Amino acid sequence: MTTKDLVKHKLKREVGLTWRLFNLGPTLTYRRSGQRPAGEAARVLADLERDGVAVSSVSALLGSEDLLVEMQRAAAQLEVDKADELAATRARAADRGDVGTKTYLVELLGSIPTADPCSPWARIALSPQVRSVANGYFGMVTQVRDYNVWRNVRTDSPLRESQLWHRDWREDHYVLKAFVYLEDVDEGRGPFHYIPGTHVRGAKRVEPETAVEGSNRRATDDQMD
């Protein structure tokens, strides 16, 4: 990437004022629409703006668990279809592999999913409630960038890659991701961890000691403590 490309990327993605300017059309469209989240979506948005993270459920946000049940059934079928790949992943899950290779992860929709608006994955991402949270957080009309179904395989090897503490940098000025657990996840099953207030809008600016892994900076639990 040239210096010119780096500067353009920084202005377009990292600097708030120019980021808003690059997205002026979607911003004005959202403001003119008058559409704002309500109910549980409004509560989720408020938590996101304050803490950078919010917890809800499909039933609370969408009004029923029907789509969650459909996703669970579809994921179970994907695991049947991908049985050989899952077996191979479980056999090598503890291998470190090359930096950037998550040997413990299977993307059940493939590395580049084919967009299918009829699929349960697209329907939840495009649901009015989820989109209202996204649009409200960004302050503009947004688009879905990606979705997938992940099976993370349990390992006893030292934490690595995105299992370590990290930031999702350079994707955009604001980053918004939604994780829908299709199985119950307790402390022994790798629950998602986030430190409130460390988002772009947050007040926490203290950076832990980190180590470079490939092109990414990672921190251990001890370093975070």
C-alpha atoms as a PDB file:
ATOM      1  CA  MET A   1       0.000   0.000   0.000  1.00  0.00           C
ATOM      2  CA  THR A   2       1.418   3.392  -1.005  1.00  0.00           C
ATOM      3  CA  THR A   3       1.685   6.406   1.295  1.00  0.00           C
ATOM      4  CA  LYS A   4      -1.180   8.003  -0.624  1.00  0.00           C
ATOM      5  CA  ASP A   5      -3.350   4.929  -0.058  1.00  0.00           C
ATOM      6  CA  LEU A   6      -2.497   4.903   3.661  1.00  0.00           C
ATOM      7  CA  VAL A   7      -3.437   8.574   4.039  1.00  0.00           C
ATOM      8  CA  LYS A   8      -6.694   8.051   2.149  1.00  0.00           C
ATOM      9  CA  HIS A   9      -7.521   5.028   4.299  1.00  0.00           C
ATOM     10  CA  LYS A  10      -6.824   6.959   7.499  1.00  0.00           C
ATOM     11  CA  LEU A  11      -8.994   9.892   6.429  1.00  0.00           C
ATOM     12  CA  LYS A  12     -11.792   7.627   5.246  1.00  0.00           C
ATOM     13  CA  ARG A  13     -11.817   5.177   8.155  1.00  0.00           C
ATOM     14  CA  GLU A  14     -10.042   6.587  11.196  1.00  0.00           C
ATOM     15  CA  VAL A  15     -10.598  10.351  11.456  1.00  0.00           C
ATOM     16  CA  GLY A  16     -14.102  11.074  12.702  1.00  0.00           C
ATOM     17  CA  LEU A  17     -14.733  14.307  10.781  1.00  0.00           C
ATOM     18  CA  THR A  18     -13.587  13.066   7.377  1.00  0.00           C
ATOM     19  CA  TRP A  19     -15.174   9.643   8.015  1.00  0.00           C
ATOM     20  CA  ARG A  20     -18.519  11.403   8.421  1.00  0.00           C
ATOM     21  CA  LEU A  21     -17.859  13.455   5.288  1.00  0.00           C
ATOM     22  CA  PHE A  22     -17.171  10.297   3.231  1.00  0.00           C
ATOM     23  CA  ASN A  23     -20.494   8.941   4.542  1.00  0.00           C
ATOM     24  CA  LEU A  24     -22.497  12.148   4.204  1.00  0.00           C
ATOM     25  CA  GLY A  25     -25.155  10.622   1.928  1.00  0.00           C
ATOM     26  CA  PRO A  26     -26.088   7.722   4.238  1.00  0.00           C
ATOM     27  CA  THR A  27     -25.904  10.098   7.237  1.00  0.00           C
ATOM     28  CA  LEU A  28     -28.354  12.591   5.734  1.00  0.00           C
ATOM     29  CA  THR A  29     -30.664   9.785   4.594  1.00  0.00           C
ATOM     30  CA  TYR A  30     -30.811   8.427   8.141  1.00  0.00           C
ATOM     31  CA  ARG A  31     -31.436  11.828   9.712  1.00  0.00           C
ATOM     32  CA  ARG A  32     -34.220  12.621   7.271  1.00  0.00           C
ATOM     33  CA  SER A  33     -35.891   9.251   7.764  1.00  0.00           C
ATOM     34  CA  GLY A  34     -36.831   9.972  11.367  1.00  0.00           C
ATOM     35  CA  GLN A  35     -36.488   6.250  12.105  1.00  0.00           C
ATOM     36  CA  ARG A  36     -35.041   5.522  15.538  1.00  0.00           C
ATOM     37  CA  PRO A  37     -34.829   2.312  17.601  1.00  0.00           C
ATOM     38  CA  ALA A  38     -37.523   1.638  20.179  1.00  0.00           C
ATOM     39  CA  GLY A  39     -38.062  -0.779  23.045  1.00  0.00           C
ATOM     40  CA  GLU A  40     -35.301  -3.348  23.523  1.00  0.00           C
ATOM     41  CA  ALA A  41     -33.414  -2.022  20.491  1.00  0.00           C
ATOM     42  CA  ALA A  42     -33.237   1.427  22.104  1.00  0.00           C
ATOM     43  CA  ARG A  43     -31.908  -0.098  25.326  1.00  0.00           C
ATOM     44  CA  VAL A  44     -29.256  -2.063  23.393  1.00  0.00           C
ATOM     45  CA  LEU A  45     -28.204   1.084  21.538  1.00  0.00           C
ATOM     46  CA  ALA A  46     -27.874   3.049  24.785  1.00  0.00           C
ATOM     47  CA  ASP A  47     -25.644   0.338  26.267  1.00  0.00           C
ATOM     48  CA  LEU A  48     -23.533   0.242  23.116  1.00  0.00           C
ATOM     49  CA  GLU A  49     -23.007   3.982  23.101  1.00  0.00           C
ATOM     50  CA  ARG A  50     -22.060   4.000  26.794  1.00  0.00           C
ATOM     51  CA  ASP A  51     -20.049   0.772  27.137  1.00  0.00           C
ATOM     52  CA  GLY A  52     -19.221  -0.382  23.609  1.00  0.00           C
ATOM     53  CA  VAL A  53     -20.967  -3.689  24.328  1.00  0.00           C
ATOM     54  CA  ALA A  54     -24.553  -4.799  24.958  1.00  0.00           C
ATOM     55  CA  VAL A  55     -26.182  -8.119  25.806  1.00  0.00           C
ATOM     56  CA  SER A  56     -29.649  -9.150  24.700  1.00  0.00           C
ATOM     57  CA  SER A  57     -31.459 -12.178  23.277  1.00  0.00           C
ATOM     58  CA  VAL A  58     -33.212 -13.013  20.038  1.00  0.00           C
ATOM     59  CA  SER A  59     -36.556 -13.275  21.834  1.00  0.00           C
ATOM     60  CA  ALA A  60     -36.124  -9.918  23.605  1.00  0.00           C
ATOM     61  CA  LEU A  61     -34.980  -8.099  20.482  1.00  0.00           C
ATOM     62  CA  LEU A  62     -37.204  -9.733  17.855  1.00  0.00           C
ATOM     63  CA  GLY A  63     -40.189 -10.637  20.016  1.00  0.00           C
ATOM     64  CA  SER A  64     -39.915 -14.430  19.666  1.00  0.00           C
ATOM     65  CA  GLU A  65     -37.396 -17.279  19.516  1.00  0.00           C
ATOM     66  CA  ASP A  66     -38.653 -18.575  16.160  1.00  0.00           C
ATOM     67  CA  LEU A  67     -35.652 -17.309  14.185  1.00  0.00           C
ATOM     68  CA  LEU A  68     -33.225 -18.593  16.825  1.00  0.00           C
ATOM     69  CA  VAL A  69     -34.730 -22.081  16.560  1.00  0.00           C
ATOM     70  CA  GLU A  70     -34.481 -21.889  12.774  1.00  0.00           C
ATOM     71  CA  MET A  71     -30.814 -20.887  13.013  1.00  0.00           C
ATOM     72  CA  GLN A  72     -30.094 -23.749  15.398  1.00  0.00           C
ATOM     73  CA  ARG A  73     -31.666 -26.274  13.027  1.00  0.00           C
ATOM     74  CA  ALA A  74     -29.866 -24.833  10.005  1.00  0.00           C
ATOM     75  CA  ALA A  75     -26.540 -24.892  11.872  1.00  0.00           C
ATOM     76  CA  ALA A  76     -27.085 -28.518  12.881  1.00  0.00           C
ATOM     77  CA  GLN A  77     -27.594 -29.414   9.222  1.00  0.00           C
ATOM     78  CA  LEU A  78     -24.460 -27.502   8.242  1.00  0.00           C
ATOM     79  CA  GLU A  79     -22.487 -29.557  10.750  1.00  0.00           C
ATOM     80  CA  VAL A  80     -23.819 -32.747   9.177  1.00  0.00           C
ATOM     81  CA  ASP A  81     -22.822 -31.466   5.740  1.00  0.00           C
ATOM     82  CA  LYS A  82     -19.373 -30.419   6.995  1.00  0.00           C
ATOM     83  CA  ALA A  83     -18.740 -33.484   9.157  1.00  0.00           C
ATOM     84  CA  ASP A  84     -15.453 -34.384   7.452  1.00  0.00           C
ATOM     85  CA  GLU A  85     -14.079 -30.849   7.749  1.00  0.00           C
ATOM     86  CA  LEU A  86     -15.114 -30.667  11.399  1.00  0.00           C
ATOM     87  CA  ALA A  87     -13.438 -33.989  12.153  1.00  0.00           C
ATOM     88  CA  ALA A  88     -10.220 -32.815  10.495  1.00  0.00           C
ATOM     89  CA  THR A  89     -10.345 -29.547  12.446  1.00  0.00           C
ATOM     90  CA  ARG A  90     -10.805 -31.351  15.753  1.00  0.00           C
ATOM     91  CA  ALA A  91      -7.810 -33.552  14.934  1.00  0.00           C
ATOM     92  CA  ARG A  92      -5.509 -30.568  14.317  1.00  0.00           C
ATOM     93  CA  ALA A  93      -7.144 -27.934  16.533  1.00  0.00           C
ATOM     94  CA  ALA A  94      -4.171 -27.798  18.902  1.00  0.00           C
ATOM     95  CA  ASP A  95      -1.687 -27.206  16.064  1.00  0.00           C
ATOM     96  CA  ARG A  96      -0.461 -23.625  15.944  1.00  0.00           C
ATOM     97  CA  GLY A  97      -0.195 -23.433  12.172  1.00  0.00           C
ATOM     98  CA  ASP A  98       0.920 -20.264  10.417  1.00  0.00           C
ATOM     99  CA  VAL A  99       0.221 -16.890  12.012  1.00  0.00           C
ATOM    100  CA  GLY A 100      -3.267 -15.828  10.982  1.00  0.00           C
ATOM    101  CA  THR A 101      -4.492 -19.410  10.675  1.00  0.00           C
ATOM    102  CA  LYS A 102      -7.172 -20.304  13.215  1.00  0.00           C
ATOM    103  CA  THR A 103      -6.801 -24.065  13.254  1.00  0.00           C
ATOM    104  CA  TYR A 104      -9.558 -24.314  15.902  1.00  0.00           C
ATOM    105  CA  LEU A 105     -12.231 -22.657  13.760  1.00  0.00           C
ATOM    106  CA  VAL A 106     -14.540 -23.853  10.992  1.00  0.00           C
ATOM    107  CA  GLU A 107     -16.534 -21.298   9.021  1.00  0.00           C
ATOM    108  CA  LEU A 108     -19.566 -23.376   8.165  1.00  0.00           C
ATOM    109  CA  LEU A 109     -20.649 -21.034   5.368  1.00  0.00           C
ATOM    110  CA  GLY A 110     -17.150 -20.952   3.873  1.00  0.00           C
ATOM    111  CA  SER A 111     -14.564 -18.197   4.021  1.00  0.00           C
ATOM    112  CA  ILE A 112     -16.594 -16.019   1.625  1.00  0.00           C
ATOM    113  CA  PRO A 113     -20.303 -16.795   2.131  1.00  0.00           C
ATOM    114  CA  THR A 114     -22.767 -16.428  -0.708  1.00  0.00           C
ATOM    115  CA  ALA A 115     -25.334 -13.814   0.262  1.00  0.00           C
ATOM    116  CA  ASP A 116     -28.768 -15.404   0.562  1.00  0.00           C
ATOM    117  CA  PRO A 117     -31.462 -12.985   1.797  1.00  0.00           C
ATOM    118  CA  CYS A 118     -33.777 -15.936   2.513  1.00  0.00           C
ATOM    119  CA  SER A 119     -31.328 -17.607   4.903  1.00  0.00           C
ATOM    120  CA  PRO A 120     -31.891 -17.200   8.658  1.00  0.00           C
ATOM    121  CA  TRP A 121     -28.447 -15.617   8.947  1.00  0.00           C
ATOM    122  CA  ALA A 122     -29.282 -12.824   6.536  1.00  0.00           C
ATOM    123  CA  ARG A 123     -32.779 -12.389   7.947  1.00  0.00           C
ATOM    124  CA  ILE A 124     -31.556 -11.724  11.466  1.00  0.00           C
ATOM    125  CA  ALA A 125     -28.810  -9.388  10.257  1.00  0.00           C
ATOM    126  CA  LEU A 126     -31.330  -7.498   8.113  1.00  0.00           C
ATOM    127  CA  SER A 127     -34.157  -7.545  10.654  1.00  0.00           C
ATOM    128  CA  PRO A 128     -35.595  -4.075  11.382  1.00  0.00           C
ATOM    129  CA  GLN A 129     -34.633  -4.343  15.055  1.00  0.00           C
ATOM    130  CA  VAL A 130     -30.974  -5.197  14.419  1.00  0.00           C
ATOM    131  CA  ARG A 131     -30.679  -2.667  11.615  1.00  0.00           C
ATOM    132  CA  SER A 132     -32.175   0.048  13.812  1.00  0.00           C
ATOM    133  CA  VAL A 133     -29.443  -0.562  16.378  1.00  0.00           C
ATOM    134  CA  ALA A 134     -26.735  -0.473  13.693  1.00  0.00           C
ATOM    135  CA  ASN A 135     -28.130   2.631  12.006  1.00  0.00           C
ATOM    136  CA  GLY A 136     -28.508   4.383  15.348  1.00  0.00           C
ATOM    137  CA  TYR A 137     -24.986   3.521  16.459  1.00  0.00           C
ATOM    138  CA  PHE A 138     -23.393   4.717  13.225  1.00  0.00           C
ATOM    139  CA  GLY A 139     -25.832   7.593  12.778  1.00  0.00           C
ATOM    140  CA  MET A 140     -26.373   6.622   9.161  1.00  0.00           C
ATOM    141  CA  VAL A 141     -28.004   4.019   6.937  1.00  0.00           C
ATOM    142  CA  THR A 142     -25.715   0.989   7.144  1.00  0.00           C
ATOM    143  CA  GLN A 143     -25.088  -2.149   5.131  1.00  0.00           C
ATOM    144  CA  VAL A 144     -24.331  -5.677   6.295  1.00  0.00           C
ATOM    145  CA  ARG A 145     -20.669  -6.357   5.574  1.00  0.00           C
ATOM    146  CA  ASP A 146     -20.456 -10.047   6.438  1.00  0.00           C
ATOM    147  CA  TYR A 147     -22.118 -12.926   8.251  1.00  0.00           C
ATOM    148  CA  ASN A 148     -21.116 -16.501   8.936  1.00  0.00           C
ATOM    149  CA  VAL A 149     -21.646 -19.493  11.208  1.00  0.00           C
ATOM    150  CA  TRP A 150     -18.633 -20.433  13.298  1.00  0.00           C
ATOM    151  CA  ARG A 151     -17.826 -23.659  15.092  1.00  0.00           C
ATOM    152  CA  ASN A 152     -14.969 -23.068  17.520  1.00  0.00           C
ATOM    153  CA  VAL A 153     -13.358 -26.344  18.533  1.00  0.00           C
ATOM    154  CA  ARG A 154     -12.180 -26.801  22.103  1.00  0.00           C
ATOM    155  CA  THR A 155      -8.429 -27.129  22.630  1.00  0.00           C
ATOM    156  CA  ASP A 156      -6.056 -27.413  25.590  1.00  0.00           C
ATOM    157  CA  SER A 157      -3.249 -25.543  23.832  1.00  0.00           C
ATOM    158  CA  PRO A 158      -2.074 -22.049  24.902  1.00  0.00           C
ATOM    159  CA  LEU A 159      -4.324 -19.206  23.776  1.00  0.00           C
ATOM    160  CA  ARG A 160      -3.414 -17.706  20.406  1.00  0.00           C
ATOM    161  CA  GLU A 161      -4.750 -15.612  17.544  1.00  0.00           C
ATOM    162  CA  SER A 162      -8.086 -13.961  18.382  1.00  0.00           C
ATOM    163  CA  GLN A 163      -8.375 -16.073  21.556  1.00  0.00           C
ATOM    164  CA  LEU A 164      -6.068 -13.430  23.037  1.00  0.00           C
ATOM    165  CA  TRP A 165      -7.150  -9.897  23.883  1.00  0.00           C
ATOM    166  CA  HIS A 166      -7.107  -7.631  20.837  1.00  0.00           C
ATOM    167  CA  ARG A 167      -8.792  -4.749  19.074  1.00  0.00           C
ATOM    168  CA  ASP A 168     -10.593  -4.992  15.752  1.00  0.00           C
ATOM    169  CA  TRP A 169      -8.698  -2.160  14.088  1.00  0.00           C
ATOM    170  CA  ARG A 170      -8.998  -0.439  10.721  1.00  0.00           C
ATOM    171  CA  GLU A 171     -12.243  -2.007   9.565  1.00  0.00           C
ATOM    172  CA  ASP A 172     -13.982   1.323  10.002  1.00  0.00           C
ATOM    173  CA  HIS A 173     -14.146   4.302  12.360  1.00  0.00           C
ATOM    174  CA  TYR A 174     -16.872   2.470  14.279  1.00  0.00           C
ATOM    175  CA  VAL A 175     -17.017  -1.333  14.305  1.00  0.00           C
ATOM    176  CA  LEU A 176     -20.240  -3.144  15.168  1.00  0.00           C
ATOM    177  CA  LYS A 177     -20.487  -6.924  15.384  1.00  0.00           C
ATOM    178  CA  ALA A 178     -23.303  -9.109  16.664  1.00  0.00           C
ATOM    179  CA  PHE A 179     -22.666 -12.597  18.044  1.00  0.00           C
ATOM    180  CA  VAL A 180     -25.625 -14.964  18.375  1.00  0.00           C
ATOM    181  CA  TYR A 181     -24.847 -18.011  20.507  1.00  0.00           C
ATOM    182  CA  LEU A 182     -26.630 -21.071  19.127  1.00  0.00           C
ATOM    183  CA  GLU A 183     -25.646 -23.138  22.185  1.00  0.00           C
ATOM    184  CA  ASP A 184     -25.435 -22.221  25.866  1.00  0.00           C
ATOM    185  CA  VAL A 185     -21.991 -20.859  26.687  1.00  0.00           C
ATOM    186  CA  ASP A 186     -20.687 -20.731  30.253  1.00  0.00           C
ATOM    187  CA  GLU A 187     -17.284 -19.784  31.678  1.00  0.00           C
ATOM    188  CA  GLY A 188     -15.795 -23.104  30.574  1.00  0.00           C
ATOM    189  CA  ARG A 189     -16.819 -22.758  26.944  1.00  0.00           C
ATOM    190  CA  GLY A 190     -14.981 -19.644  25.844  1.00  0.00           C
ATOM    191  CA  PRO A 191     -17.496 -16.841  26.403  1.00  0.00           C
ATOM    192  CA  PHE A 192     -16.917 -13.531  24.688  1.00  0.00           C
ATOM    193  CA  HIS A 193     -15.068 -10.987  26.860  1.00  0.00           C
ATOM    194  CA  TYR A 194     -15.048  -7.215  26.418  1.00  0.00           C
ATOM    195  CA  ILE A 195     -13.852  -4.350  28.600  1.00  0.00           C
ATOM    196  CA  PRO A 196     -16.580  -1.671  28.772  1.00  0.00           C
ATOM    197  CA  GLY A 197     -15.542   1.800  27.734  1.00  0.00           C
ATOM    198  CA  THR A 198     -12.668   0.779  25.440  1.00  0.00           C
ATOM    199  CA  HIS A 199     -14.573   1.571  22.233  1.00  0.00           C
ATOM    200  CA  VAL A 200     -13.926   4.679  20.123  1.00  0.00           C
ATOM    201  CA  ARG A 201     -16.540   6.652  22.069  1.00  0.00           C
ATOM    202  CA  GLY A 202     -15.346   5.319  25.410  1.00  0.00           C
ATOM    203  CA  ALA A 203     -13.255   7.048  28.045  1.00  0.00           C
ATOM    204  CA  LYS A 204     -10.708   4.283  28.679  1.00  0.00           C
ATOM    205  CA  ARG A 205      -7.499   5.064  26.828  1.00  0.00           C
ATOM    206  CA  VAL A 206      -4.964   3.033  28.815  1.00  0.00           C
ATOM    207  CA  GLU A 207      -3.249   0.484  26.587  1.00  0.00           C
ATOM    208  CA  PRO A 208      -1.919  -2.791  28.026  1.00  0.00           C
ATOM    209  CA  GLU A 209       1.450  -4.244  27.202  1.00  0.00           C
ATOM    210  CA  THR A 210       1.063  -6.316  24.048  1.00  0.00           C
ATOM    211  CA  ALA A 211       2.996  -8.660  21.805  1.00  0.00           C
ATOM    212  CA  VAL A 212       2.942  -8.571  18.011  1.00  0.00           C
ATOM    213  CA  GLU A 213       1.549 -11.672  16.331  1.00  0.00           C
ATOM    214  CA  GLY A 214       1.922 -11.278  12.603  1.00  0.00           C
ATOM    215  CA  SER A 215       0.499  -7.786  11.955  1.00  0.00           C
ATOM    216  CA  ASN A 216      -1.767  -7.827  15.010  1.00  0.00           C
ATOM    217  CA  ARG A 217      -1.187  -6.809  18.608  1.00  0.00           C
ATOM    218  CA  ARG A 218      -2.349  -9.300  21.239  1.00  0.00           C
ATOM    219  CA  ALA A 219      -2.442  -9.253  25.042  1.00  0.00           C
ATOM    220  CA  THR A 220      -2.636 -12.085  27.559  1.00  0.00           C
ATOM    221  CA  ASP A 221      -4.885 -12.219  30.602  1.00  0.00           C
ATOM    222  CA  ASP A 222      -1.912 -11.310  32.810  1.00  0.00           C
ATOM    223  CA  GLN A 223      -1.122  -8.262  30.690  1.00  0.00           C
ATOM    224  CA  MET A 224      -4.755  -7.147  30.833  1.00  0.00           C
ATOM    225  CA  ASP A 225      -4.807  -7.568  34.610  1.00  0.00           C
END
